[in-house]
């Protein structure tokens, strides 16, 4: 009796034991067909992640540039001295930093958006973006008034070579809950596709807490409003100060700045429909001007 019962149970136990194995093999086969988790290629030797592109020297030079800018955050320009700088570039992305130094608004001096100037300079050096940034206390806030030389230079830059996107860089207080707030004038200044691409580039590198139109850039005579009126996509990029370099070394952690910089370099390359170029060595700066950076 027991022998007959054992013989009857054997096929059932065999099927039960082999079912998990069969299921596992089916899942593994499906994974291989899809290229592994998330569709990635799991072939031996194939990279799963993009290689880091920004190098330590980039952040070192950015820190030195910001330290030099800090010396003139609130220094008025001398007679005939310019209070902003225009950097040419091959990219179809144009970057502005109208508060890289302190600015004059309604008769009052407002503090600089520390870290935005050095970020703009490094984007020019590494991504070839055209850049306009302040270098002295501005006599007229370029993000509040239109009737100043900064806006005139911006208009010329747009007319000279129409950009595909304008990023207007600003620093936001470290107490804000977001990493980046996108000022889009209620969604009208930047097409959704470009905004999604910008957010995706940032999220892939580190910044991930986003807000839209906390600072909408729709009031006053902002850079974003000025550019959008000319039919060019533009966004006011309010970056939490914890992602930007201050004038003191190591404050904040430079990894965060490197992540931000790498994201924007890759975004510019995607707008230009090109690959990020291979690195051919570390950049260098003019000993007399830490913000004059060249790349081999």
C-alpha atoms as a PDB file:
ATOM      1  CA  UNK A   1       0.000   0.000   0.000  1.00  0.00           C
ATOM      2  CA  UNK A   2       2.736   2.438   0.969  1.00  0.00           C
ATOM      3  CA  UNK A   3       4.739   1.471  -2.095  1.00  0.00           C
ATOM      4  CA  UNK A   4       1.795   2.203  -4.425  1.00  0.00           C
ATOM      5  CA  UNK A   5       1.201   5.595  -2.675  1.00  0.00           C
ATOM      6  CA  UNK A   6       4.881   6.539  -3.122  1.00  0.00           C
ATOM      7  CA  UNK A   7       4.713   5.715  -6.793  1.00  0.00           C
ATOM      8  CA  UNK A   8       1.625   7.909  -7.221  1.00  0.00           C
ATOM      9  CA  UNK A   9       3.171  10.885  -5.399  1.00  0.00           C
ATOM     10  CA  UNK A  10       6.509  10.813  -7.240  1.00  0.00           C
ATOM     11  CA  UNK A  11       5.323  12.517 -10.486  1.00  0.00           C
ATOM     12  CA  UNK A  12       3.521  15.201  -8.482  1.00  0.00           C
ATOM     13  CA  UNK A  13       6.560  16.003  -6.344  1.00  0.00           C
ATOM     14  CA  UNK A  14       8.743  16.049  -9.425  1.00  0.00           C
ATOM     15  CA  UNK A  15       6.466  18.592 -11.109  1.00  0.00           C
ATOM     16  CA  UNK A  16       6.361  20.752  -7.967  1.00  0.00           C
ATOM     17  CA  UNK A  17      10.139  20.690  -7.597  1.00  0.00           C
ATOM     18  CA  UNK A  18      10.834  21.565 -11.213  1.00  0.00           C
ATOM     19  CA  UNK A  19       8.201  24.307 -11.582  1.00  0.00           C
ATOM     20  CA  UNK A  20      10.281  27.038  -9.848  1.00  0.00           C
ATOM     21  CA  UNK A  21      13.303  26.091 -11.916  1.00  0.00           C
ATOM     22  CA  UNK A  22      11.305  26.309 -15.141  1.00  0.00           C
ATOM     23  CA  UNK A  23       9.874  29.663 -14.094  1.00  0.00           C
ATOM     24  CA  UNK A  24      13.327  31.015 -13.258  1.00  0.00           C
ATOM     25  CA  UNK A  25      14.697  29.865 -16.607  1.00  0.00           C
ATOM     26  CA  UNK A  26      11.804  31.536 -18.424  1.00  0.00           C
ATOM     27  CA  UNK A  27      12.417  34.830 -16.593  1.00  0.00           C
ATOM     28  CA  UNK A  28      16.151  34.642 -17.315  1.00  0.00           C
ATOM     29  CA  UNK A  29      15.467  33.999 -20.991  1.00  0.00           C
ATOM     30  CA  UNK A  30      13.095  36.955 -21.176  1.00  0.00           C
ATOM     31  CA  UNK A  31      15.682  39.143 -19.457  1.00  0.00           C
ATOM     32  CA  UNK A  32      18.373  38.127 -21.900  1.00  0.00           C
ATOM     33  CA  UNK A  33      16.072  38.782 -24.849  1.00  0.00           C
ATOM     34  CA  UNK A  34      15.379  42.268 -23.515  1.00  0.00           C
ATOM     35  CA  UNK A  35      19.040  42.940 -22.897  1.00  0.00           C
ATOM     36  CA  UNK A  36      18.816  42.503 -19.122  1.00  0.00           C
ATOM     37  CA  UNK A  37      17.152  44.696 -16.494  1.00  0.00           C
ATOM     38  CA  UNK A  38      15.703  47.844 -18.016  1.00  0.00           C
ATOM     39  CA  UNK A  39      16.670  46.638 -21.469  1.00  0.00           C
ATOM     40  CA  UNK A  40      20.385  47.298 -20.797  1.00  0.00           C
ATOM     41  CA  UNK A  41      23.043  45.244 -22.494  1.00  0.00           C
ATOM     42  CA  UNK A  42      24.484  42.644 -20.101  1.00  0.00           C
ATOM     43  CA  UNK A  43      27.012  41.184 -22.518  1.00  0.00           C
ATOM     44  CA  UNK A  44      30.388  40.673 -20.939  1.00  0.00           C
ATOM     45  CA  UNK A  45      32.395  43.896 -21.076  1.00  0.00           C
ATOM     46  CA  UNK A  46      29.461  46.101 -22.115  1.00  0.00           C
ATOM     47  CA  UNK A  47      29.189  49.220 -19.862  1.00  0.00           C
ATOM     48  CA  UNK A  48      25.998  49.610 -17.864  1.00  0.00           C
ATOM     49  CA  UNK A  49      26.525  53.300 -17.095  1.00  0.00           C
ATOM     50  CA  UNK A  50      27.942  56.318 -18.933  1.00  0.00           C
ATOM     51  CA  UNK A  51      31.486  57.213 -17.979  1.00  0.00           C
ATOM     52  CA  UNK A  52      31.952  60.335 -15.865  1.00  0.00           C
ATOM     53  CA  UNK A  53      33.004  63.242 -18.060  1.00  0.00           C
ATOM     54  CA  UNK A  54      33.712  66.168 -15.730  1.00  0.00           C
ATOM     55  CA  UNK A  55      37.127  65.964 -14.067  1.00  0.00           C
ATOM     56  CA  UNK A  56      38.558  67.361 -10.848  1.00  0.00           C
ATOM     57  CA  UNK A  57      40.433  70.137 -12.627  1.00  0.00           C
ATOM     58  CA  UNK A  58      37.120  71.523 -13.931  1.00  0.00           C
ATOM     59  CA  UNK A  59      35.825  72.138 -10.428  1.00  0.00           C
ATOM     60  CA  UNK A  60      39.196  73.470  -9.273  1.00  0.00           C
ATOM     61  CA  UNK A  61      39.165  76.086 -12.028  1.00  0.00           C
ATOM     62  CA  UNK A  62      35.536  76.949 -11.324  1.00  0.00           C
ATOM     63  CA  UNK A  63      36.398  77.529  -7.680  1.00  0.00           C
ATOM     64  CA  UNK A  64      39.303  79.798  -8.594  1.00  0.00           C
ATOM     65  CA  UNK A  65      37.115  81.734 -11.034  1.00  0.00           C
ATOM     66  CA  UNK A  66      34.405  82.235  -8.409  1.00  0.00           C
ATOM     67  CA  UNK A  67      36.978  83.389  -5.860  1.00  0.00           C
ATOM     68  CA  UNK A  68      38.154  86.033  -8.324  1.00  0.00           C
ATOM     69  CA  UNK A  69      34.583  87.118  -9.075  1.00  0.00           C
ATOM     70  CA  UNK A  70      33.918  87.385  -5.330  1.00  0.00           C
ATOM     71  CA  UNK A  71      36.575  90.085  -5.080  1.00  0.00           C
ATOM     72  CA  UNK A  72      34.397  92.309  -7.265  1.00  0.00           C
ATOM     73  CA  UNK A  73      30.874  91.184  -6.336  1.00  0.00           C
ATOM     74  CA  UNK A  74      30.082  94.664  -5.058  1.00  0.00           C
ATOM     75  CA  UNK A  75      32.788  96.695  -6.819  1.00  0.00           C
ATOM     76  CA  UNK A  76      31.318  99.296  -9.191  1.00  0.00           C
ATOM     77  CA  UNK A  77      32.908  99.475 -12.641  1.00  0.00           C
ATOM     78  CA  UNK A  78      35.435 102.247 -13.149  1.00  0.00           C
ATOM     79  CA  UNK A  79      34.961 104.958 -15.772  1.00  0.00           C
ATOM     80  CA  UNK A  80      34.606 103.256 -19.136  1.00  0.00           C
ATOM     81  CA  UNK A  81      35.081  99.809 -17.584  1.00  0.00           C
ATOM     82  CA  UNK A  82      32.605  97.082 -18.653  1.00  0.00           C
ATOM     83  CA  UNK A  83      30.507  95.431 -15.940  1.00  0.00           C
ATOM     84  CA  UNK A  84      29.757  92.257 -17.849  1.00  0.00           C
ATOM     85  CA  UNK A  85      31.540  89.922 -20.230  1.00  0.00           C
ATOM     86  CA  UNK A  86      30.423  88.205 -23.428  1.00  0.00           C
ATOM     87  CA  UNK A  87      32.037  84.858 -24.274  1.00  0.00           C
ATOM     88  CA  UNK A  88      31.585  83.476 -27.800  1.00  0.00           C
ATOM     89  CA  UNK A  89      30.805  79.819 -28.384  1.00  0.00           C
ATOM     90  CA  UNK A  90      29.795  77.350 -31.082  1.00  0.00           C
ATOM     91  CA  UNK A  91      26.802  75.919 -29.203  1.00  0.00           C
ATOM     92  CA  UNK A  92      23.220  76.872 -30.022  1.00  0.00           C
ATOM     93  CA  UNK A  93      22.610  77.145 -26.269  1.00  0.00           C
ATOM     94  CA  UNK A  94      23.109  80.620 -24.829  1.00  0.00           C
ATOM     95  CA  UNK A  95      23.728  81.020 -21.079  1.00  0.00           C
ATOM     96  CA  UNK A  96      23.241  84.182 -19.055  1.00  0.00           C
ATOM     97  CA  UNK A  97      24.249  84.926 -15.473  1.00  0.00           C
ATOM     98  CA  UNK A  98      22.876  88.442 -14.848  1.00  0.00           C
ATOM     99  CA  UNK A  99      23.362  88.174 -11.076  1.00  0.00           C
ATOM    100  CA  UNK A 100      26.860  86.669 -11.080  1.00  0.00           C
ATOM    101  CA  UNK A 101      27.789  89.815  -9.170  1.00  0.00           C
ATOM    102  CA  UNK A 102      25.673  92.207  -7.114  1.00  0.00           C
ATOM    103  CA  UNK A 103      23.112  94.302  -8.933  1.00  0.00           C
ATOM    104  CA  UNK A 104      21.402  97.645  -8.481  1.00  0.00           C
ATOM    105  CA  UNK A 105      17.610  97.524  -8.306  1.00  0.00           C
ATOM    106  CA  UNK A 106      15.345 100.413  -7.365  1.00  0.00           C
ATOM    107  CA  UNK A 107      18.320 102.254  -5.913  1.00  0.00           C
ATOM    108  CA  UNK A 108      19.350  99.351  -3.684  1.00  0.00           C
ATOM    109  CA  UNK A 109      22.212  96.876  -3.989  1.00  0.00           C
ATOM    110  CA  UNK A 110      21.147  93.236  -4.073  1.00  0.00           C
ATOM    111  CA  UNK A 111      23.577  90.445  -3.294  1.00  0.00           C
ATOM    112  CA  UNK A 112      25.211  88.337  -5.994  1.00  0.00           C
ATOM    113  CA  UNK A 113      23.901  84.911  -6.932  1.00  0.00           C
ATOM    114  CA  UNK A 114      27.232  83.399  -5.930  1.00  0.00           C
ATOM    115  CA  UNK A 115      28.336  80.484  -8.061  1.00  0.00           C
ATOM    116  CA  UNK A 116      26.358  81.304 -11.188  1.00  0.00           C
ATOM    117  CA  UNK A 117      29.223  83.173 -12.832  1.00  0.00           C
ATOM    118  CA  UNK A 118      31.731  80.337 -12.525  1.00  0.00           C
ATOM    119  CA  UNK A 119      29.112  77.835 -13.718  1.00  0.00           C
ATOM    120  CA  UNK A 120      28.488  79.962 -16.811  1.00  0.00           C
ATOM    121  CA  UNK A 121      32.222  80.287 -17.495  1.00  0.00           C
ATOM    122  CA  UNK A 122      32.766  76.515 -17.256  1.00  0.00           C
ATOM    123  CA  UNK A 123      29.810  75.849 -19.561  1.00  0.00           C
ATOM    124  CA  UNK A 124      31.448  78.122 -22.111  1.00  0.00           C
ATOM    125  CA  UNK A 125      34.781  76.311 -21.770  1.00  0.00           C
ATOM    126  CA  UNK A 126      33.451  72.745 -21.742  1.00  0.00           C
ATOM    127  CA  UNK A 127      30.221  72.873 -23.767  1.00  0.00           C
ATOM    128  CA  UNK A 128      30.965  75.832 -26.032  1.00  0.00           C
ATOM    129  CA  UNK A 129      27.859  77.686 -24.914  1.00  0.00           C
ATOM    130  CA  UNK A 130      27.769  81.401 -25.596  1.00  0.00           C
ATOM    131  CA  UNK A 131      27.762  83.239 -22.282  1.00  0.00           C
ATOM    132  CA  UNK A 132      26.946  86.701 -20.942  1.00  0.00           C
ATOM    133  CA  UNK A 133      27.722  87.217 -17.249  1.00  0.00           C
ATOM    134  CA  UNK A 134      28.307  90.176 -14.957  1.00  0.00           C
ATOM    135  CA  UNK A 135      31.771  90.897 -13.583  1.00  0.00           C
ATOM    136  CA  UNK A 136      31.165  94.040 -11.471  1.00  0.00           C
ATOM    137  CA  UNK A 137      28.336  95.571  -9.494  1.00  0.00           C
ATOM    138  CA  UNK A 138      25.753  96.195 -12.195  1.00  0.00           C
ATOM    139  CA  UNK A 139      24.402  99.751 -12.363  1.00  0.00           C
ATOM    140  CA  UNK A 140      21.119  98.325 -13.713  1.00  0.00           C
ATOM    141  CA  UNK A 141      19.778  94.869 -12.798  1.00  0.00           C
ATOM    142  CA  UNK A 142      19.632  92.931 -16.103  1.00  0.00           C
ATOM    143  CA  UNK A 143      16.886  90.681 -14.742  1.00  0.00           C
ATOM    144  CA  UNK A 144      14.697  93.622 -13.712  1.00  0.00           C
ATOM    145  CA  UNK A 145      15.257  96.284 -16.373  1.00  0.00           C
ATOM    146  CA  UNK A 146      15.543  96.161 -20.157  1.00  0.00           C
ATOM    147  CA  UNK A 147      17.187  99.525 -20.782  1.00  0.00           C
ATOM    148  CA  UNK A 148      20.792  98.558 -20.062  1.00  0.00           C
ATOM    149  CA  UNK A 149      23.883  97.419 -21.940  1.00  0.00           C
ATOM    150  CA  UNK A 150      23.543  93.807 -20.802  1.00  0.00           C
ATOM    151  CA  UNK A 151      20.170  93.441 -22.522  1.00  0.00           C
ATOM    152  CA  UNK A 152      21.546  95.199 -25.613  1.00  0.00           C
ATOM    153  CA  UNK A 153      24.357  92.632 -25.775  1.00  0.00           C
ATOM    154  CA  UNK A 154      21.819  89.838 -25.296  1.00  0.00           C
ATOM    155  CA  UNK A 155      19.700  91.164 -28.169  1.00  0.00           C
ATOM    156  CA  UNK A 156      22.769  91.272 -30.418  1.00  0.00           C
ATOM    157  CA  UNK A 157      23.692  87.711 -29.470  1.00  0.00           C
ATOM    158  CA  UNK A 158      20.188  86.510 -30.372  1.00  0.00           C
ATOM    159  CA  UNK A 159      20.185  88.383 -33.665  1.00  0.00           C
ATOM    160  CA  UNK A 160      23.702  87.237 -34.537  1.00  0.00           C
ATOM    161  CA  UNK A 161      22.982  83.532 -34.134  1.00  0.00           C
ATOM    162  CA  UNK A 162      19.516  82.555 -33.050  1.00  0.00           C
ATOM    163  CA  UNK A 163      19.782  80.165 -30.095  1.00  0.00           C
ATOM    164  CA  UNK A 164      17.761  77.007 -29.698  1.00  0.00           C
ATOM    165  CA  UNK A 165      17.540  77.614 -25.953  1.00  0.00           C
ATOM    166  CA  UNK A 166      18.575  80.249 -23.413  1.00  0.00           C
ATOM    167  CA  UNK A 167      19.401  79.214 -19.846  1.00  0.00           C
ATOM    168  CA  UNK A 168      19.259  82.135 -17.425  1.00  0.00           C
ATOM    169  CA  UNK A 169      21.165  81.030 -14.313  1.00  0.00           C
ATOM    170  CA  UNK A 170      20.248  82.119 -10.800  1.00  0.00           C
ATOM    171  CA  UNK A 171      21.021  80.947  -7.263  1.00  0.00           C
ATOM    172  CA  UNK A 172      18.191  80.109  -4.901  1.00  0.00           C
ATOM    173  CA  UNK A 173      18.411  80.133  -1.113  1.00  0.00           C
ATOM    174  CA  UNK A 174      19.613  76.854   0.405  1.00  0.00           C
ATOM    175  CA  UNK A 175      16.436  76.734   2.498  1.00  0.00           C
ATOM    176  CA  UNK A 176      14.269  76.115  -0.565  1.00  0.00           C
ATOM    177  CA  UNK A 177      12.858  72.574  -0.869  1.00  0.00           C
ATOM    178  CA  UNK A 178      13.897  72.089  -4.483  1.00  0.00           C
ATOM    179  CA  UNK A 179      17.204  71.434  -6.233  1.00  0.00           C
ATOM    180  CA  UNK A 180      16.098  73.437  -9.272  1.00  0.00           C
ATOM    181  CA  UNK A 181      13.074  75.606  -9.979  1.00  0.00           C
ATOM    182  CA  UNK A 182      12.268  76.183 -13.647  1.00  0.00           C
ATOM    183  CA  UNK A 183      10.835  79.639 -14.372  1.00  0.00           C
ATOM    184  CA  UNK A 184       8.807  79.215 -17.547  1.00  0.00           C
ATOM    185  CA  UNK A 185       6.288  82.073 -17.425  1.00  0.00           C
ATOM    186  CA  UNK A 186       3.503  79.638 -16.695  1.00  0.00           C
ATOM    187  CA  UNK A 187       4.798  77.105 -19.209  1.00  0.00           C
ATOM    188  CA  UNK A 188       4.906  79.551 -22.124  1.00  0.00           C
ATOM    189  CA  UNK A 189       8.601  80.414 -22.427  1.00  0.00           C
ATOM    190  CA  UNK A 190      10.014  76.910 -22.899  1.00  0.00           C
ATOM    191  CA  UNK A 191       8.465  74.036 -24.895  1.00  0.00           C
ATOM    192  CA  UNK A 192       7.624  70.962 -22.852  1.00  0.00           C
ATOM    193  CA  UNK A 193      10.040  68.806 -24.836  1.00  0.00           C
ATOM    194  CA  UNK A 194      12.994  71.048 -23.982  1.00  0.00           C
ATOM    195  CA  UNK A 195      11.949  71.306 -20.346  1.00  0.00           C
ATOM    196  CA  UNK A 196      11.652  67.514 -20.098  1.00  0.00           C
ATOM    197  CA  UNK A 197      15.063  67.124 -21.718  1.00  0.00           C
ATOM    198  CA  UNK A 198      16.638  69.605 -19.305  1.00  0.00           C
ATOM    199  CA  UNK A 199      15.019  67.942 -16.294  1.00  0.00           C
ATOM    200  CA  UNK A 200      16.077  64.509 -17.561  1.00  0.00           C
ATOM    201  CA  UNK A 201      19.696  65.599 -18.000  1.00  0.00           C
ATOM    202  CA  UNK A 202      19.761  66.988 -14.454  1.00  0.00           C
ATOM    203  CA  UNK A 203      18.014  63.986 -12.916  1.00  0.00           C
ATOM    204  CA  UNK A 204      20.464  61.578 -14.538  1.00  0.00           C
ATOM    205  CA  UNK A 205      23.382  63.253 -12.740  1.00  0.00           C
ATOM    206  CA  UNK A 206      21.970  64.045  -9.295  1.00  0.00           C
ATOM    207  CA  UNK A 207      19.600  67.028  -8.995  1.00  0.00           C
ATOM    208  CA  UNK A 208      16.135  65.492  -8.807  1.00  0.00           C
ATOM    209  CA  UNK A 209      13.833  67.672  -6.685  1.00  0.00           C
ATOM    210  CA  UNK A 210      12.210  69.997  -9.199  1.00  0.00           C
ATOM    211  CA  UNK A 211       9.747  72.862  -9.036  1.00  0.00           C
ATOM    212  CA  UNK A 212       8.170  74.898 -11.799  1.00  0.00           C
ATOM    213  CA  UNK A 213       7.341  78.583 -11.657  1.00  0.00           C
ATOM    214  CA  UNK A 214       8.008  79.213  -7.979  1.00  0.00           C
ATOM    215  CA  UNK A 215       9.883  82.072  -9.636  1.00  0.00           C
ATOM    216  CA  UNK A 216       7.915  82.263 -12.900  1.00  0.00           C
ATOM    217  CA  UNK A 217      10.132  84.912 -14.558  1.00  0.00           C
ATOM    218  CA  UNK A 218       6.926  86.545 -15.817  1.00  0.00           C
ATOM    219  CA  UNK A 219       7.006  89.649 -13.639  1.00  0.00           C
ATOM    220  CA  UNK A 220       9.311  92.603 -14.279  1.00  0.00           C
ATOM    221  CA  UNK A 221      11.625  92.760 -17.262  1.00  0.00           C
ATOM    222  CA  UNK A 222      13.366  89.433 -16.797  1.00  0.00           C
ATOM    223  CA  UNK A 223      15.882  87.849 -19.139  1.00  0.00           C
ATOM    224  CA  UNK A 224      13.451  84.993 -19.811  1.00  0.00           C
ATOM    225  CA  UNK A 225      10.663  87.401 -20.713  1.00  0.00           C
ATOM    226  CA  UNK A 226      13.023  89.448 -22.911  1.00  0.00           C
ATOM    227  CA  UNK A 227      14.178  86.355 -24.819  1.00  0.00           C
ATOM    228  CA  UNK A 228      10.745  84.757 -25.111  1.00  0.00           C
ATOM    229  CA  UNK A 229       9.370  87.980 -26.617  1.00  0.00           C
ATOM    230  CA  UNK A 230      11.857  87.407 -29.441  1.00  0.00           C
ATOM    231  CA  UNK A 231      10.501  83.935 -30.104  1.00  0.00           C
ATOM    232  CA  UNK A 232      13.428  82.063 -28.551  1.00  0.00           C
ATOM    233  CA  UNK A 233      12.867  79.320 -25.926  1.00  0.00           C
ATOM    234  CA  UNK A 234      14.113  80.444 -22.519  1.00  0.00           C
ATOM    235  CA  UNK A 235      13.991  79.357 -18.896  1.00  0.00           C
ATOM    236  CA  UNK A 236      15.029  80.964 -15.624  1.00  0.00           C
ATOM    237  CA  UNK A 237      17.026  78.233 -13.878  1.00  0.00           C
ATOM    238  CA  UNK A 238      16.861  78.792 -10.123  1.00  0.00           C
ATOM    239  CA  UNK A 239      19.516  76.496  -8.642  1.00  0.00           C
ATOM    240  CA  UNK A 240      19.583  75.719  -4.933  1.00  0.00           C
ATOM    241  CA  UNK A 241      22.784  77.245  -3.542  1.00  0.00           C
ATOM    242  CA  UNK A 242      23.898  73.849  -2.227  1.00  0.00           C
ATOM    243  CA  UNK A 243      24.706  72.857  -5.834  1.00  0.00           C
ATOM    244  CA  UNK A 244      26.829  75.928  -6.598  1.00  0.00           C
ATOM    245  CA  UNK A 245      30.373  76.845  -5.659  1.00  0.00           C
ATOM    246  CA  UNK A 246      30.843  79.642  -3.187  1.00  0.00           C
ATOM    247  CA  UNK A 247      33.931  81.790  -2.989  1.00  0.00           C
ATOM    248  CA  UNK A 248      35.501  79.484  -0.380  1.00  0.00           C
ATOM    249  CA  UNK A 249      37.170  76.207  -1.336  1.00  0.00           C
ATOM    250  CA  UNK A 250      35.131  73.115  -0.570  1.00  0.00           C
ATOM    251  CA  UNK A 251      31.902  74.974   0.226  1.00  0.00           C
ATOM    252  CA  UNK A 252      29.585  73.341  -0.795  1.00  0.00           C
ATOM    253  CA  UNK A 253      30.884  69.815  -1.604  1.00  0.00           C
ATOM    254  CA  UNK A 254      32.327  69.967  -5.092  1.00  0.00           C
ATOM    255  CA  UNK A 255      30.804  66.687  -6.155  1.00  0.00           C
ATOM    256  CA  UNK A 256      27.417  68.381  -6.334  1.00  0.00           C
ATOM    257  CA  UNK A 257      28.773  71.150  -8.546  1.00  0.00           C
ATOM    258  CA  UNK A 258      30.456  68.543 -10.765  1.00  0.00           C
ATOM    259  CA  UNK A 259      27.134  66.711 -11.149  1.00  0.00           C
ATOM    260  CA  UNK A 260      25.325  69.936 -12.043  1.00  0.00           C
ATOM    261  CA  UNK A 261      28.023  70.952 -14.523  1.00  0.00           C
ATOM    262  CA  UNK A 262      28.072  67.534 -16.176  1.00  0.00           C
ATOM    263  CA  UNK A 263      24.287  67.557 -16.555  1.00  0.00           C
ATOM    264  CA  UNK A 264      24.256  70.942 -18.277  1.00  0.00           C
ATOM    265  CA  UNK A 265      27.181  70.033 -20.550  1.00  0.00           C
ATOM    266  CA  UNK A 266      25.274  66.955 -21.688  1.00  0.00           C
ATOM    267  CA  UNK A 267      22.064  68.956 -22.096  1.00  0.00           C
ATOM    268  CA  UNK A 268      23.835  71.463 -24.351  1.00  0.00           C
ATOM    269  CA  UNK A 269      25.274  68.636 -26.439  1.00  0.00           C
ATOM    270  CA  UNK A 270      21.801  67.120 -26.867  1.00  0.00           C
ATOM    271  CA  UNK A 271      20.349  70.463 -27.983  1.00  0.00           C
ATOM    272  CA  UNK A 272      23.203  70.785 -30.468  1.00  0.00           C
ATOM    273  CA  UNK A 273      22.511  67.218 -31.649  1.00  0.00           C
ATOM    274  CA  UNK A 274      26.077  66.126 -31.088  1.00  0.00           C
ATOM    275  CA  UNK A 275      28.019  63.823 -28.799  1.00  0.00           C
ATOM    276  CA  UNK A 276      29.919  65.123 -25.795  1.00  0.00           C
ATOM    277  CA  UNK A 277      33.508  65.238 -27.101  1.00  0.00           C
ATOM    278  CA  UNK A 278      36.212  63.026 -25.592  1.00  0.00           C
ATOM    279  CA  UNK A 279      38.463  64.696 -23.056  1.00  0.00           C
ATOM    280  CA  UNK A 280      41.949  65.503 -24.336  1.00  0.00           C
ATOM    281  CA  UNK A 281      43.443  66.740 -21.110  1.00  0.00           C
ATOM    282  CA  UNK A 282      42.715  69.138 -18.302  1.00  0.00           C
ATOM    283  CA  UNK A 283      41.664  72.747 -18.954  1.00  0.00           C
ATOM    284  CA  UNK A 284      43.866  75.627 -17.883  1.00  0.00           C
ATOM    285  CA  UNK A 285      43.348  79.251 -16.907  1.00  0.00           C
ATOM    286  CA  UNK A 286      45.233  82.441 -17.622  1.00  0.00           C
ATOM    287  CA  UNK A 287      47.336  83.131 -14.492  1.00  0.00           C
ATOM    288  CA  UNK A 288      46.276  86.770 -14.690  1.00  0.00           C
ATOM    289  CA  UNK A 289      42.577  85.921 -15.063  1.00  0.00           C
ATOM    290  CA  UNK A 290      41.234  82.713 -13.458  1.00  0.00           C
ATOM    291  CA  UNK A 291      37.988  83.075 -15.425  1.00  0.00           C
ATOM    292  CA  UNK A 292      39.799  82.975 -18.803  1.00  0.00           C
ATOM    293  CA  UNK A 293      39.770  79.210 -19.296  1.00  0.00           C
ATOM    294  CA  UNK A 294      40.962  77.239 -22.304  1.00  0.00           C
ATOM    295  CA  UNK A 295      40.489  73.542 -23.078  1.00  0.00           C
ATOM    296  CA  UNK A 296      42.938  71.392 -25.058  1.00  0.00           C
END
